[in-house]
Protein backbone atom coordinates (compact mmCIF):
# COMPACT_ATOMS: atom_id res chain seq x y z
CA UNK A 1 -24.71 -49.48 -22.93
CA UNK A 2 -22.78 -50.96 -20.11
CA UNK A 3 -21.76 -54.43 -19.48
CA UNK A 4 -23.26 -57.21 -17.38
CA UNK A 5 -20.88 -59.51 -15.43
CA UNK A 6 -21.68 -63.31 -15.19
CA UNK A 7 -19.59 -65.49 -12.54
CA UNK A 8 -20.11 -69.09 -11.17
CA UNK A 9 -17.28 -70.41 -9.27
CA UNK A 10 -15.98 -74.16 -8.74
CA UNK A 11 -14.66 -74.81 -5.20
CA UNK A 12 -12.63 -77.56 -4.18
CA UNK A 13 -12.73 -78.64 -1.01
CA UNK A 14 -10.33 -80.94 0.27
CA UNK A 15 -12.42 -83.39 3.07
CA UNK A 16 -10.68 -83.78 6.53
CA UNK A 17 -10.39 -87.96 6.78
CA UNK A 18 -7.38 -89.03 7.79
CA UNK A 19 -6.66 -91.61 4.42
CA UNK A 20 -7.56 -91.13 0.92
CA UNK A 21 -11.01 -91.56 -0.99
CA UNK A 22 -10.24 -94.91 -2.15
CA UNK A 23 -6.83 -96.10 -0.31
CA UNK A 24 -5.87 -96.02 3.38
CA UNK A 25 -2.84 -93.66 2.63
CA UNK A 26 -2.37 -90.67 4.91
CA UNK A 27 -3.50 -87.60 3.51
CA UNK A 28 -1.52 -85.46 6.17
CA UNK A 29 -0.32 -82.03 4.82
CA UNK A 30 3.95 -81.65 4.66
CA UNK A 31 5.38 -84.78 4.17
CA UNK A 32 8.49 -85.90 1.83
CA UNK A 33 7.36 -86.03 -1.55
CA UNK A 34 6.09 -89.61 -2.73
CA UNK A 35 5.86 -90.71 1.07
CA UNK A 36 2.23 -90.99 0.91
CA UNK A 37 1.03 -92.20 -2.35
CA UNK A 38 0.28 -96.57 -2.28
CA UNK A 39 0.07 -98.59 -4.90
CA UNK A 40 -3.64 -97.63 -5.44
CA UNK A 41 -2.63 -94.09 -5.60
CA UNK A 42 -0.09 -94.68 -8.29
CA UNK A 43 -2.23 -97.09 -10.29
CA UNK A 44 0.04 -99.92 -10.31
CA UNK A 45 -1.64 -102.91 -12.29
CA UNK A 46 -4.70 -105.08 -10.53
CA UNK A 47 -4.80 -102.88 -7.60
CA UNK A 48 -8.74 -101.86 -6.73
CA UNK A 49 -10.02 -98.62 -5.49
CA UNK A 50 -12.42 -98.94 -2.28
CA UNK A 51 -14.41 -95.89 -1.57
CA UNK A 52 -13.85 -93.97 1.87
CA UNK A 53 -17.44 -93.98 3.91
CA UNK A 54 -16.38 -90.97 5.72
CA UNK A 55 -15.94 -89.09 2.61
CA UNK A 56 -19.10 -89.84 1.66
CA UNK A 57 -20.65 -88.69 5.33
CA UNK A 58 -18.89 -85.42 4.72
CA UNK A 59 -20.77 -85.03 1.27
CA UNK A 60 -24.08 -85.86 2.58
CA UNK A 61 -23.43 -83.00 5.74
CA UNK A 62 -22.71 -80.47 3.22
CA UNK A 63 -25.34 -81.33 1.37
CA UNK A 64 -27.98 -80.84 4.09
CA UNK A 65 -26.27 -77.83 5.41
CA UNK A 66 -26.98 -76.24 1.92
CA UNK A 67 -30.99 -77.69 1.60
CA UNK A 68 -29.81 -79.44 -1.21
CA UNK A 69 -30.98 -82.75 -2.77
CA UNK A 70 -28.99 -86.19 -1.72
CA UNK A 71 -28.82 -88.38 -4.38
CA UNK A 72 -29.95 -92.12 -3.20
CA UNK A 73 -28.02 -93.74 -6.18
CA UNK A 74 -24.67 -92.04 -7.25
CA UNK A 75 -22.24 -93.07 -9.48
CA UNK A 76 -18.35 -92.67 -10.03
CA UNK A 77 -17.18 -92.30 -13.51
CA UNK A 78 -13.70 -91.78 -15.23
CA UNK A 79 -12.79 -88.79 -16.26
CA UNK A 80 -9.96 -88.76 -18.56
CA UNK A 81 -7.19 -86.18 -19.48
CA UNK A 82 -3.46 -86.97 -19.62
CA UNK A 83 -0.53 -85.29 -17.40
CA UNK A 84 2.34 -86.25 -15.83
CA UNK A 85 0.80 -85.78 -12.15
CA UNK A 86 -2.35 -88.18 -12.95
CA UNK A 87 -0.88 -91.72 -12.67
CA UNK A 88 -3.91 -93.50 -14.03
CA UNK A 89 -4.59 -91.32 -17.04
CA UNK A 90 -7.82 -90.64 -15.81
CA UNK A 91 -8.94 -88.91 -12.42
CA UNK A 92 -12.33 -90.85 -10.42
CA UNK A 93 -14.88 -88.17 -10.12
CA UNK A 94 -19.15 -87.95 -10.41
CA UNK A 95 -20.65 -86.83 -13.88
CA UNK A 96 -24.02 -87.31 -14.03
CA UNK A 97 -25.10 -88.69 -10.93
CA UNK A 98 -23.34 -86.50 -8.20
CA UNK A 99 -23.83 -87.64 -4.17
CA UNK A 100 -25.21 -83.64 -3.57
CA UNK A 101 -27.49 -82.06 -6.09
CA UNK A 102 -29.24 -78.67 -6.28
CA UNK A 103 -28.94 -76.76 -3.34
CA UNK A 104 -28.83 -73.03 -2.03
CA UNK A 105 -26.41 -70.62 -0.06
CA UNK A 106 -27.52 -66.77 1.03
CA UNK A 107 -24.83 -64.10 0.67
CA UNK A 108 -24.72 -60.59 2.06
CA UNK A 109 -23.54 -57.95 -0.13
CA UNK A 110 -23.73 -53.96 0.61
CA UNK A 111 -27.16 -55.07 3.16
CA UNK A 112 -28.53 -56.71 0.64
CA UNK A 113 -29.36 -60.62 1.00
CA UNK A 114 -29.20 -62.94 -2.57
CA UNK A 115 -29.56 -66.47 -2.99
CA UNK A 116 -26.82 -68.52 -5.06
CA UNK A 117 -27.87 -71.78 -6.25
CA UNK A 118 -25.61 -74.56 -6.41
CA UNK A 119 -25.56 -77.12 -9.13
CA UNK A 120 -23.74 -79.74 -7.80
CA UNK A 121 -21.28 -80.85 -5.11
CA UNK A 122 -19.44 -84.04 -6.37
CA UNK A 123 -16.78 -86.44 -4.65
CA UNK A 124 -13.41 -86.95 -6.74
CA UNK A 125 -9.82 -87.46 -5.81
CA UNK A 126 -7.17 -84.95 -6.14
CA UNK A 127 -4.13 -85.47 -8.94
CA UNK A 128 -0.60 -85.20 -7.80
CA UNK A 129 1.68 -82.04 -7.97
CA UNK A 130 3.94 -80.68 -10.32
CA UNK A 131 6.91 -78.64 -9.32
CA UNK A 132 9.01 -76.61 -11.06
CA UNK A 133 11.54 -75.03 -9.16
CA UNK A 134 14.90 -75.85 -8.27
CA UNK A 135 15.43 -79.02 -10.78
CA UNK A 136 17.48 -77.47 -13.61
CA UNK A 137 14.82 -76.97 -16.16
CA UNK A 138 12.91 -79.95 -15.32
CA UNK A 139 9.76 -80.64 -13.63
CA UNK A 140 9.52 -82.88 -10.54
CA UNK A 141 6.25 -84.91 -9.66
CA UNK A 142 4.78 -85.43 -6.05
CA UNK A 143 2.25 -88.03 -5.62
CA UNK A 144 1.65 -87.43 -2.06
CA UNK A 145 -1.86 -85.55 -3.04
CA UNK A 146 -2.80 -88.05 -5.60
CA UNK A 147 -6.10 -89.70 -4.36
CA UNK A 148 -6.85 -87.15 -1.64
CA UNK A 149 -10.53 -86.74 -1.27
CA UNK A 150 -12.13 -83.51 -2.40
CA UNK A 151 -15.66 -82.30 -2.79
CA UNK A 152 -16.27 -80.13 -5.63
CA UNK A 153 -18.60 -77.25 -5.26
CA UNK A 154 -20.51 -76.24 -8.12
CA UNK A 155 -22.34 -72.84 -8.38
CA UNK A 156 -25.29 -71.79 -10.82
CA UNK A 157 -24.01 -68.38 -12.77
CA UNK A 158 -25.66 -66.20 -10.28
CA UNK A 159 -23.05 -63.89 -9.30
CA UNK A 160 -23.42 -60.54 -10.76
CA UNK A 161 -20.02 -59.13 -9.45
CA UNK A 162 -16.70 -59.37 -8.37
CA UNK A 163 -18.28 -58.81 -4.87
CA UNK A 164 -21.02 -61.36 -4.74
CA UNK A 165 -18.09 -63.93 -6.10
CA UNK A 166 -16.19 -63.22 -2.95
CA UNK A 167 -19.24 -63.30 -0.55
CA UNK A 168 -20.11 -66.25 -1.94
CA UNK A 169 -16.48 -67.89 -1.84
CA UNK A 170 -16.06 -66.66 1.57
CA UNK A 171 -19.35 -68.21 2.51
CA UNK A 172 -18.84 -71.93 1.71
CA UNK A 173 -15.41 -71.37 3.22
CA UNK A 174 -17.16 -70.47 6.48
CA UNK A 175 -19.52 -73.29 6.02
CA UNK A 176 -17.17 -76.29 5.28
CA UNK A 177 -14.86 -75.27 8.85
CA UNK A 178 -17.93 -75.29 10.62
CA UNK A 179 -18.81 -78.42 9.24
CA UNK A 180 -15.74 -79.54 10.05
CA UNK A 181 -15.41 -81.46 6.57
CA UNK A 182 -12.45 -79.12 5.24
CA UNK A 183 -10.02 -77.10 6.92
CA UNK A 184 -10.11 -74.30 4.87
CA UNK A 185 -6.69 -73.71 4.73
CA UNK A 186 -5.94 -71.95 1.30
CA UNK A 187 -1.84 -71.90 2.09
CA UNK A 188 -1.85 -75.65 1.99
CA UNK A 189 -4.38 -76.21 -1.17
CA UNK A 190 -7.19 -77.31 1.03
CA UNK A 191 -9.79 -74.67 -0.44
CA UNK A 192 -9.01 -74.09 -4.06
CA UNK A 193 -11.32 -71.89 -6.49
CA UNK A 194 -12.02 -71.92 -10.11
CA UNK A 195 -14.03 -69.07 -11.70
CA UNK A 196 -16.05 -68.83 -14.72
CA UNK A 197 -16.57 -65.24 -15.80
CA UNK A 198 -18.02 -63.71 -18.54
CA UNK A 199 -19.75 -60.31 -19.89
CA UNK A 200 -22.48 -59.36 -21.97
CA UNK A 201 -25.09 -56.59 -22.77
CA UNK A 202 -27.96 -56.60 -20.60
CA UNK A 203 -31.00 -58.49 -22.59
CA UNK A 204 -28.52 -60.56 -24.79
CA UNK A 205 -27.41 -63.85 -24.35
CA UNK A 206 -24.47 -64.66 -21.98
CA UNK A 207 -21.23 -64.01 -23.26
CA UNK A 208 -18.23 -66.49 -23.83
CA UNK A 209 -16.73 -67.86 -20.41
CA UNK A 210 -13.20 -68.32 -19.50
CA UNK A 211 -12.09 -69.81 -16.59
CA UNK A 212 -9.74 -68.91 -13.67
CA UNK A 213 -8.13 -71.82 -12.42
CA UNK A 214 -6.57 -72.87 -9.21
CA UNK A 215 -6.84 -69.91 -7.56
CA UNK A 216 -5.93 -69.94 -3.15
CA UNK A 217 -6.98 -66.83 -1.83
CA UNK A 218 -9.68 -64.25 -1.83
CA UNK A 219 -7.39 -61.40 -2.56
CA UNK A 220 -5.96 -63.12 -5.50
CA UNK A 221 -9.84 -64.38 -6.63
CA UNK A 222 -10.89 -60.81 -6.57
CA UNK A 223 -7.80 -59.38 -8.46
CA UNK A 224 -8.31 -62.47 -10.95
CA UNK A 225 -11.68 -61.14 -11.79
CA UNK A 226 -11.45 -57.53 -12.14
CA UNK A 227 -8.52 -58.46 -14.19
CA UNK A 228 -10.38 -60.61 -16.37
CA UNK A 229 -13.55 -58.68 -16.30
CA UNK A 230 -11.77 -55.81 -17.69
CA UNK A 231 -9.59 -57.87 -20.17
CA UNK A 232 -13.11 -59.26 -21.57
CA UNK A 233 -14.60 -55.50 -21.68
CA UNK A 234 -11.35 -54.22 -23.86
CA UNK A 235 -11.53 -57.02 -26.18
CA UNK A 236 -15.30 -56.59 -27.21
CA UNK A 237 -15.24 -53.08 -27.25
CA UNK A 238 -12.24 -52.90 -29.56
CA UNK A 239 -14.61 -55.71 -31.70
CA UNK A 240 -13.02 -58.79 -30.88
CA UNK A 241 -14.13 -61.89 -29.80
CA UNK A 242 -13.24 -63.93 -26.39
CA UNK A 243 -11.74 -67.49 -26.79
CA UNK A 244 -13.27 -69.85 -24.46
CA UNK A 245 -10.13 -71.20 -22.28
CA UNK A 246 -8.51 -71.71 -19.27
CA UNK A 247 -6.21 -69.04 -18.10
CA UNK A 248 -3.94 -68.93 -15.18
CA UNK A 249 -3.50 -65.81 -12.38
CA UNK A 250 -0.22 -64.37 -12.11
CA UNK A 251 -0.45 -62.69 -8.32
CA UNK A 252 3.38 -61.17 -9.38
CA UNK A 253 2.55 -59.33 -12.36
CA UNK A 254 -1.24 -58.86 -11.64
CA UNK A 255 -2.64 -60.60 -14.54
CA UNK A 256 -4.15 -63.58 -16.22
CA UNK A 257 -2.44 -65.52 -18.91
CA UNK A 258 -3.44 -68.40 -21.17
CA UNK A 259 -3.21 -72.05 -20.04
CA UNK A 260 -4.97 -74.19 -22.49
CA UNK A 261 -8.24 -74.12 -24.44
CA UNK A 262 -11.15 -75.11 -22.26
CA UNK A 263 -12.68 -78.41 -22.57
CA UNK A 264 -15.85 -79.37 -22.64
CA UNK A 265 -17.57 -82.43 -21.09
CA UNK A 266 -17.08 -84.80 -24.32
CA UNK A 267 -13.50 -84.09 -24.24
CA UNK A 268 -13.02 -85.70 -20.96
CA UNK A 269 -14.97 -89.06 -22.37
CA UNK A 270 -16.92 -89.74 -19.13
CA UNK A 271 -18.38 -93.29 -18.24
CA UNK A 272 -19.01 -95.29 -15.37
CA UNK A 273 -15.48 -96.62 -13.64
CA UNK A 274 -16.26 -100.37 -13.41
CA UNK A 275 -14.19 -101.02 -10.31
CA UNK A 276 -16.51 -99.04 -8.35
CA UNK A 277 -20.01 -100.07 -7.60
CA UNK A 278 -22.90 -97.56 -7.51
CA UNK A 279 -22.99 -95.34 -4.29
CA UNK A 280 -26.62 -96.14 -2.36
CA UNK A 281 -27.42 -93.65 -0.04
CA UNK A 282 -30.68 -95.09 2.06
CA UNK A 283 -32.71 -92.29 4.50
CA UNK A 284 -31.04 -94.21 7.83
CA UNK A 285 -27.33 -93.08 6.42
CA UNK A 286 -28.98 -89.25 6.19
CA UNK A 287 -30.80 -89.13 9.46
CA UNK A 288 -27.59 -90.08 11.49
CA UNK A 289 -25.27 -87.80 9.12
CA UNK A 290 -28.28 -85.28 10.48
CA UNK A 291 -28.08 -86.01 13.48
CA UNK A 292 -24.11 -84.73 13.64
CA UNK A 293 -24.85 -81.11 12.09
CA UNK A 294 -23.94 -78.62 14.18
CA UNK A 295 -25.29 -74.65 14.69
CA UNK A 296 -24.66 -73.40 11.23
CA UNK A 297 -23.32 -69.53 10.61
CA UNK A 298 -26.56 -68.15 9.81
CA UNK A 299 -28.46 -69.70 12.61
CA UNK A 300 -25.50 -68.32 15.13
CA UNK A 301 -25.64 -65.18 13.80
CA UNK A 302 -28.91 -64.46 14.69
CA UNK A 303 -29.01 -66.38 18.03
CA UNK A 304 -26.31 -63.88 19.09
CA UNK A 305 -28.26 -60.78 17.90
CA UNK A 306 -31.05 -62.03 20.19
CA UNK A 307 -29.42 -63.77 22.86
CA UNK A 308 -26.59 -61.55 23.44
CA UNK A 309 -28.21 -58.28 22.42
CA UNK A 310 -25.58 -57.81 20.00
CA UNK A 311 -25.37 -55.74 16.64
CA UNK A 312 -25.10 -57.18 13.44
CA UNK A 313 -21.85 -56.78 12.76
CA UNK A 314 -20.34 -57.87 16.03
CA UNK A 315 -22.28 -61.30 15.26
CA UNK A 316 -20.91 -61.60 12.15
CA UNK A 317 -17.26 -60.98 13.16
CA UNK A 318 -17.75 -63.26 16.22
CA UNK A 319 -19.46 -66.05 14.08
CA UNK A 320 -16.81 -65.79 11.35
CA UNK A 321 -15.50 -68.96 12.36
CA UNK A 322 -16.78 -71.75 14.62
CA UNK A 323 -13.67 -71.62 16.88
CA UNK A 324 -14.29 -67.97 17.51
CA UNK A 325 -17.92 -68.00 18.16
CA UNK A 326 -16.77 -71.07 20.83
CA UNK A 327 -14.57 -68.60 22.26
CA UNK A 328 -16.61 -65.54 22.72
CA UNK A 329 -19.05 -68.07 24.37
CA UNK A 330 -16.74 -69.12 26.93
CA UNK A 331 -15.45 -65.85 27.71
CA UNK A 332 -19.88 -64.29 28.31
CA UNK A 333 -19.95 -68.08 30.76
CA UNK A 334 -16.60 -67.10 32.35
CA UNK A 335 -17.85 -63.56 33.41
CA UNK A 336 -21.54 -64.35 33.93
CA UNK A 337 -22.59 -61.52 31.58
CA UNK A 338 -21.67 -58.67 30.43
CA UNK A 339 -21.88 -59.48 26.18
CA UNK A 340 -21.24 -56.35 24.50
CA UNK A 341 -17.83 -56.02 26.94
CA UNK A 342 -16.71 -59.09 26.04
CA UNK A 343 -17.49 -59.14 22.48
CA UNK A 344 -15.54 -55.72 22.49
CA UNK A 345 -12.34 -57.23 24.14
CA UNK A 346 -12.50 -60.35 21.87
CA UNK A 347 -12.85 -58.37 18.80
CA UNK A 348 -10.62 -55.49 19.55
CA UNK A 349 -7.98 -56.71 22.08
CA UNK A 350 -7.63 -60.48 20.85
CA UNK A 351 -8.22 -60.18 17.49
CA UNK A 352 -5.44 -57.65 17.23
CA UNK A 353 -3.18 -58.95 18.94
CA UNK A 354 -3.63 -61.92 16.91
CA UNK A 355 -3.39 -60.28 13.73
CA UNK A 356 -0.12 -58.56 14.68
CA UNK A 357 1.60 -61.43 15.35
CA UNK A 358 -0.21 -63.66 12.73
CA UNK A 359 -1.33 -66.29 15.31
CA UNK A 360 -4.07 -68.40 14.40
CA UNK A 361 -6.69 -68.28 17.35
CA UNK A 362 -5.39 -71.68 18.87
CA UNK A 363 -2.36 -70.54 19.10
CA UNK A 364 -3.61 -67.63 21.42
CA UNK A 365 -1.61 -67.57 24.79
CA UNK A 366 -4.52 -66.06 26.40
CA UNK A 367 -7.84 -69.05 26.60
CA UNK A 368 -11.16 -67.95 26.75
CA UNK A 369 -11.36 -68.38 30.78
CA UNK A 370 -8.18 -66.80 31.27
CA UNK A 371 -9.74 -63.47 29.37
CA UNK A 372 -12.95 -64.14 30.90
CA UNK A 373 -11.27 -63.76 34.58
CA UNK A 374 -9.83 -60.87 33.08
CA UNK A 375 -13.32 -58.95 31.89
CA UNK A 376 -14.41 -60.18 35.50
CA UNK A 377 -12.28 -57.67 37.49
CA UNK A 378 -13.14 -54.71 34.99
CA UNK A 379 -17.28 -55.85 36.01
CA UNK A 380 -16.44 -55.80 39.88
CA UNK A 381 -14.19 -52.77 39.89
CA UNK A 382 -11.11 -54.54 40.85
CA UNK A 383 -9.35 -52.64 37.93
CA UNK A 384 -10.49 -50.12 35.22
CA UNK A 385 -10.93 -50.77 31.58
CA UNK A 386 -7.57 -48.84 30.99
CA UNK A 387 -5.42 -50.75 33.90
CA UNK A 388 -6.95 -53.89 31.97
CA UNK A 389 -5.14 -53.53 28.97
CA UNK A 390 -1.92 -53.13 30.67
CA UNK A 391 -3.03 -56.31 32.35
CA UNK A 392 -3.66 -57.93 29.03
CA UNK A 393 -0.73 -57.21 27.46
CA UNK A 394 1.16 -59.11 30.69
CA UNK A 395 -0.90 -61.65 29.92
CA UNK A 396 -0.34 -61.96 26.68
CA UNK A 397 3.49 -62.09 27.22
CA UNK A 398 3.17 -65.06 29.53
CA UNK A 399 3.23 -63.36 32.94
CA UNK A 400 0.58 -65.36 34.67
CA UNK A 401 -3.48 -64.76 35.34
CA UNK A 402 -5.33 -61.89 35.21
CA UNK A 403 -5.41 -61.80 39.19
CA UNK A 404 -1.64 -62.81 39.82
CA UNK A 405 -0.71 -59.64 37.79
CA UNK A 406 -2.88 -57.35 39.21
CA UNK A 407 -1.69 -58.59 42.86
CA UNK A 408 2.07 -58.55 41.79
CA UNK A 409 2.10 -55.19 39.86
CA UNK A 410 -0.42 -53.43 42.63
CA UNK A 411 -2.84 -52.49 40.24
CA UNK A 412 -6.01 -52.63 42.05
CA UNK A 413 -8.36 -49.81 41.55
CA UNK A 414 -8.82 -47.08 44.24
CA UNK A 415 -12.76 -47.30 44.98
CA UNK A 416 -12.39 -45.50 48.73
CA UNK A 417 -14.63 -42.54 47.88
CA UNK A 418 -12.80 -40.71 50.51
CA UNK A 419 -9.41 -41.19 49.31
CA UNK A 420 -10.55 -39.87 45.50
CA UNK A 421 -12.13 -36.73 47.32
CA UNK A 422 -9.16 -35.72 49.08
CA UNK A 423 -7.10 -36.01 45.86
CA UNK A 424 -9.81 -33.68 44.26
CA UNK A 425 -9.63 -31.44 46.72
CA UNK A 426 -5.81 -31.48 46.22
CA UNK A 427 -6.15 -30.96 42.02
CA UNK A 428 -8.82 -27.87 42.59
CA UNK A 429 -6.51 -26.53 45.05
CA UNK A 430 -3.57 -26.47 42.88
CA UNK A 431 -5.51 -25.53 39.46
CA UNK A 432 -7.46 -22.26 40.68
CA UNK A 433 -7.02 -20.46 37.28
CA UNK A 434 -8.62 -23.42 35.22
CA UNK A 435 -11.59 -23.76 38.35
CA UNK A 436 -12.71 -20.71 38.07
CA UNK A 437 -12.34 -20.96 34.00
CA UNK A 438 -14.71 -24.16 34.26
CA UNK A 439 -17.09 -22.19 36.47
CA UNK A 440 -17.06 -19.59 33.95
CA UNK A 441 -18.41 -21.28 31.66
CA UNK A 442 -15.54 -23.32 30.01
CA UNK A 443 -17.34 -27.36 30.25
CA UNK A 444 -14.44 -29.07 28.22
CA UNK A 445 -11.88 -28.19 31.02
CA UNK A 446 -14.13 -30.84 32.83
CA UNK A 447 -11.91 -33.63 31.04
CA UNK A 448 -8.31 -31.75 32.14
CA UNK A 449 -9.52 -32.03 35.64
CA UNK A 450 -10.47 -35.61 35.27
CA UNK A 451 -7.09 -36.10 33.62
CA UNK A 452 -5.24 -34.44 36.67
CA UNK A 453 -6.85 -36.74 38.97
CA UNK A 454 -6.21 -39.98 37.00
CA UNK A 455 -2.68 -38.98 36.97
CA UNK A 456 -2.46 -38.28 40.66
CA UNK A 457 -3.85 -41.88 41.16
CA UNK A 458 -1.78 -43.10 38.61
CA UNK A 459 -4.55 -44.62 36.57
CA UNK A 460 -6.11 -46.30 39.40
CA UNK A 461 -8.99 -44.19 40.86
CA UNK A 462 -12.59 -46.12 39.38
CA UNK A 463 -13.00 -43.49 36.56
CA UNK A 464 -17.12 -43.39 37.03
CA UNK A 465 -16.55 -42.29 40.96
CA UNK A 466 -13.89 -39.53 40.15
CA UNK A 467 -16.50 -37.88 37.38
CA UNK A 468 -19.21 -37.83 39.99
CA UNK A 469 -17.08 -36.92 42.73
CA UNK A 470 -15.40 -34.33 40.56
CA UNK A 471 -18.48 -32.91 39.21
CA UNK A 472 -20.05 -32.04 42.65
CA UNK A 473 -16.93 -30.31 43.82
CA UNK A 474 -16.57 -28.17 40.71
CA UNK A 475 -20.12 -27.62 39.92
CA UNK A 476 -20.84 -27.13 43.83
């Protein structure tokens, strides 16, 4: 009998506020250790937390985007545990009354759409960071992250495969960036995933779950889940039992290892924080936030397919990030149409060049208007698609805009029919044997003649005209 996998994810998205959730300290990444931890963050006696209103607005925005319940009354609680990087001895979080209640997210795996339930999304503060390297066997504590606002997004245990878990994590990652509530930078810890996983025989109760903690890449999430699922199955098939615990994924050894026994809610001794009043969210607050919602990814994909006539794959790639979708639309606007041509160049040439040099879109040396200007020269037959790639490389290297490069290098396409005919006549006269073979039925030789004409014109002849005129001459 086969095993069924059950996966639920807890995603921590760092909110893109300029200051922390309960203090005015900066949230900027990369500062020297302990230079962005104020009296509130390190819990000096007598200090009081003050809630950051923008963090609340961002939580509401996320809730609206996943069609979730927004609580009219929300409560902050103290979650008690003892780590060196937790100055207060407790974390301010939410438990029974979170800002965002039940919602849903749709994912697509292998062409099938599935709805994943979101149990809750609650606001909380981050802890500091323990550093174990370069301290001669000791541990260093950096409290810069202490108090950084987080939105913890807890899914229902609705995922039944690793592929579904990855699709869900990527969907949430895409969504928080579209909403501009989180930069999604996994390397900097802005987007982290905890995974709860168990296996059971179909038709039997769910098995004992283990938690995989603080995973910061989709690749590692995939590998960690695959390893842990296999570990569960091996133990159970050998007659053993699964211990409920929290485990870490070691990317170097590609394995998970035990970190600590998994706590239950009562272990944290939750109770309402007496320093923070209950949070009241009015219909007017929700309406104000709703007015700021952008076009969401699913809606944008559908529009790209309808408005631009793009296939589902192209629309999916181009709407993978809000910035890329905006870039594409600006290219189309600059060209004045040709959406499929624009899509191909953005997906293949632009993204290929960015990936090759490991650059972000905002670091591209070719902006959307520049690329649109280049593609306009393909559309108006100034240059061919092949020459356009040469111009693109020169633009990427900083040699100027498309028109400047075309002029400087003499790359304008030959569209004079009489000039092209003269070259075709020369090619035919120089290759009588191939002409005879072509006219004898070897149609594949047509490509040979096209190649010879393009070679003679250094690739500048209009390919469409070459094909039309050449076929007339050869067939005539």
